[in-house]
Amino acid sequence: MGNMNVNVKIYRPSKNTMQSGRAKTEAWVLEYETTTPRNPENLMGWTSSGDTLGQVRLKFPSADQAVKYAEGKGWAYTLLPAHDRKVKPRNYGDNFIYKKVED
């Protein structure tokens, strides 16, 4: 690949709606930015692209390591902020508290 104009994005994926746990959400992902438009394939209806780099996803244990990798290759990168989990502590008894509805 050399030092050609490569743009990548670095982010930590959030869990999808089908996941109940937090597995596979701690690693940081380096993904190539697509350079060609995606079009529906006429026969099957799949999305096609002339750029095969969109299939490559590299995983790193930290954002710093992903950034160092991109900088070492001379690539331009975009570091997206992590969306941290917000936990609201609740008690079982909170389910039965009477809350007056104001009109």
C-alpha atoms as a PDB file:
ATOM      1  CA  MET A   1       0.000   0.000   0.000  1.00  0.00           C
ATOM      2  CA  GLY A   2       2.806   2.421   0.718  1.00  0.00           C
ATOM      3  CA  ASN A   3       2.024   6.023   1.599  1.00  0.00           C
ATOM      4  CA  MET A   4      -0.871   6.597  -0.785  1.00  0.00           C
ATOM      5  CA  ASN A   5      -3.754   8.787   0.345  1.00  0.00           C
ATOM      6  CA  VAL A   6      -5.500   6.480   2.769  1.00  0.00           C
ATOM      7  CA  ASN A   7      -8.178   7.728   5.135  1.00  0.00           C
ATOM      8  CA  VAL A   8      -9.201   5.570   8.077  1.00  0.00           C
ATOM      9  CA  LYS A   9     -11.521   5.980  11.024  1.00  0.00           C
ATOM     10  CA  ILE A  10     -10.813   4.679  14.500  1.00  0.00           C
ATOM     11  CA  TYR A  11     -13.694   3.986  16.872  1.00  0.00           C
ATOM     12  CA  ARG A  12     -14.927   1.690  19.614  1.00  0.00           C
ATOM     13  CA  PRO A  13     -18.109  -0.050  18.481  1.00  0.00           C
ATOM     14  CA  SER A  14     -21.158   0.015  20.683  1.00  0.00           C
ATOM     15  CA  LYS A  15     -23.195  -3.120  21.235  1.00  0.00           C
ATOM     16  CA  ASN A  16     -25.956  -3.773  18.770  1.00  0.00           C
ATOM     17  CA  THR A  17     -29.591  -4.204  19.747  1.00  0.00           C
ATOM     18  CA  MET A  18     -29.353  -7.990  19.562  1.00  0.00           C
ATOM     19  CA  GLN A  19     -26.584  -8.176  22.190  1.00  0.00           C
ATOM     20  CA  SER A  20     -27.441  -8.464  25.845  1.00  0.00           C
ATOM     21  CA  GLY A  21     -23.842  -8.501  27.066  1.00  0.00           C
ATOM     22  CA  ARG A  22     -20.841  -6.246  26.543  1.00  0.00           C
ATOM     23  CA  ALA A  23     -18.648  -8.757  24.662  1.00  0.00           C
ATOM     24  CA  LYS A  24     -16.685  -7.474  21.660  1.00  0.00           C
ATOM     25  CA  THR A  25     -17.243  -3.816  22.565  1.00  0.00           C
ATOM     26  CA  GLU A  26     -13.964  -3.100  24.362  1.00  0.00           C
ATOM     27  CA  ALA A  27     -11.658  -3.337  21.325  1.00  0.00           C
ATOM     28  CA  TRP A  28     -10.985  -0.327  19.106  1.00  0.00           C
ATOM     29  CA  VAL A  29     -11.508  -0.768  15.373  1.00  0.00           C
ATOM     30  CA  LEU A  30      -9.530   0.779  12.513  1.00  0.00           C
ATOM     31  CA  GLU A  31     -11.613   0.818   9.337  1.00  0.00           C
ATOM     32  CA  TYR A  32     -10.871   2.237   5.888  1.00  0.00           C
ATOM     33  CA  GLU A  33     -13.036   5.093   4.618  1.00  0.00           C
ATOM     34  CA  THR A  34     -14.833   4.145   1.406  1.00  0.00           C
ATOM     35  CA  THR A  35     -13.574   5.981  -1.656  1.00  0.00           C
ATOM     36  CA  THR A  36     -16.029   4.681  -4.243  1.00  0.00           C
ATOM     37  CA  PRO A  37     -19.822   4.947  -4.126  1.00  0.00           C
ATOM     38  CA  ARG A  38     -21.825   1.895  -3.172  1.00  0.00           C
ATOM     39  CA  ASN A  39     -24.538   0.817  -5.568  1.00  0.00           C
ATOM     40  CA  PRO A  40     -27.205  -1.885  -5.476  1.00  0.00           C
ATOM     41  CA  GLU A  41     -26.266  -4.859  -7.604  1.00  0.00           C
ATOM     42  CA  ASN A  42     -28.993  -5.374 -10.210  1.00  0.00           C
ATOM     43  CA  LEU A  43     -29.398  -9.154 -10.165  1.00  0.00           C
ATOM     44  CA  MET A  44     -29.216  -9.971  -6.453  1.00  0.00           C
ATOM     45  CA  GLY A  45     -29.933  -6.579  -4.882  1.00  0.00           C
ATOM     46  CA  TRP A  46     -26.767  -6.669  -2.777  1.00  0.00           C
ATOM     47  CA  THR A  47     -24.718  -3.547  -2.218  1.00  0.00           C
ATOM     48  CA  SER A  48     -21.596  -3.543  -4.370  1.00  0.00           C
ATOM     49  CA  SER A  49     -18.516  -1.355  -4.383  1.00  0.00           C
ATOM     50  CA  GLY A  50     -15.364  -1.144  -6.470  1.00  0.00           C
ATOM     51  CA  ASP A  51     -13.329  -0.664  -3.282  1.00  0.00           C
ATOM     52  CA  THR A  52     -12.400  -3.893  -1.499  1.00  0.00           C
ATOM     53  CA  LEU A  53     -10.730  -2.110   1.444  1.00  0.00           C
ATOM     54  CA  GLY A  54     -14.184  -1.546   2.968  1.00  0.00           C
ATOM     55  CA  GLN A  55     -14.093  -5.188   4.051  1.00  0.00           C
ATOM     56  CA  VAL A  56     -10.969  -4.754   6.195  1.00  0.00           C
ATOM     57  CA  ARG A  57     -11.365  -4.101   9.934  1.00  0.00           C
ATOM     58  CA  LEU A  58      -8.346  -4.139  12.229  1.00  0.00           C
ATOM     59  CA  LYS A  59      -8.876  -4.450  15.997  1.00  0.00           C
ATOM     60  CA  PHE A  60      -6.659  -2.915  18.674  1.00  0.00           C
ATOM     61  CA  PRO A  61      -6.838  -3.090  22.495  1.00  0.00           C
ATOM     62  CA  SER A  62      -6.603   0.717  22.797  1.00  0.00           C
ATOM     63  CA  ALA A  63      -7.166   3.852  20.740  1.00  0.00           C
ATOM     64  CA  ASP A  64      -3.523   4.865  21.215  1.00  0.00           C
ATOM     65  CA  GLN A  65      -2.297   1.673  19.556  1.00  0.00           C
ATOM     66  CA  ALA A  66      -4.654   2.162  16.602  1.00  0.00           C
ATOM     67  CA  VAL A  67      -3.498   5.775  16.204  1.00  0.00           C
ATOM     68  CA  LYS A  68       0.182   4.742  16.348  1.00  0.00           C
ATOM     69  CA  TYR A  69      -0.472   2.116  13.673  1.00  0.00           C
ATOM     70  CA  ALA A  70      -2.170   4.632  11.351  1.00  0.00           C
ATOM     71  CA  GLU A  71       0.550   7.234  11.935  1.00  0.00           C
ATOM     72  CA  GLY A  72       3.245   4.624  11.290  1.00  0.00           C
ATOM     73  CA  LYS A  73       1.683   3.918   7.905  1.00  0.00           C
ATOM     74  CA  GLY A  74       1.351   7.648   7.128  1.00  0.00           C
ATOM     75  CA  TRP A  75      -2.449   7.469   6.930  1.00  0.00           C
ATOM     76  CA  ALA A  76      -4.872  10.276   7.706  1.00  0.00           C
ATOM     77  CA  TYR A  77      -7.213   9.162  10.497  1.00  0.00           C
ATOM     78  CA  THR A  78     -10.338  10.295  12.269  1.00  0.00           C
ATOM     79  CA  LEU A  79     -10.605   9.300  15.928  1.00  0.00           C
ATOM     80  CA  LEU A  80     -14.254   9.061  16.956  1.00  0.00           C
ATOM     81  CA  PRO A  81     -15.028   9.453  20.677  1.00  0.00           C
ATOM     82  CA  ALA A  82     -16.090   6.401  22.642  1.00  0.00           C
ATOM     83  CA  HIS A  83     -19.676   6.271  23.799  1.00  0.00           C
ATOM     84  CA  ASP A  84     -19.302   5.117  27.369  1.00  0.00           C
ATOM     85  CA  ARG A  85     -22.019   3.182  29.093  1.00  0.00           C
ATOM     86  CA  LYS A  86     -24.125   5.108  31.582  1.00  0.00           C
ATOM     87  CA  VAL A  87     -25.533   3.027  34.413  1.00  0.00           C
ATOM     88  CA  LYS A  88     -28.335   4.447  36.523  1.00  0.00           C
ATOM     89  CA  PRO A  89     -28.400   2.625  39.858  1.00  0.00           C
ATOM     90  CA  ARG A  90     -31.872   1.458  40.826  1.00  0.00           C
ATOM     91  CA  ASN A  91     -33.432  -0.553  43.598  1.00  0.00           C
ATOM     92  CA  TYR A  92     -36.179  -3.113  43.205  1.00  0.00           C
ATOM     93  CA  GLY A  93     -38.356  -1.044  45.517  1.00  0.00           C
ATOM     94  CA  ASP A  94     -38.220   1.905  43.097  1.00  0.00           C
ATOM     95  CA  ASN A  95     -40.653   0.001  40.873  1.00  0.00           C
ATOM     96  CA  PHE A  96     -43.407   0.464  43.465  1.00  0.00           C
ATOM     97  CA  ILE A  97     -42.956   4.115  44.427  1.00  0.00           C
ATOM     98  CA  TYR A  98     -46.040   6.230  43.899  1.00  0.00           C
ATOM     99  CA  LYS A  99     -45.356   9.205  41.679  1.00  0.00           C
ATOM    100  CA  LYS A 100     -48.047  11.852  41.492  1.00  0.00           C
ATOM    101  CA  VAL A 101     -48.900  12.834  37.933  1.00  0.00           C
ATOM    102  CA  GLU A 102     -49.230  16.573  37.542  1.00  0.00           C
ATOM    103  CA  ASP A 103     -51.939  17.865  35.202  1.00  0.00           C
END
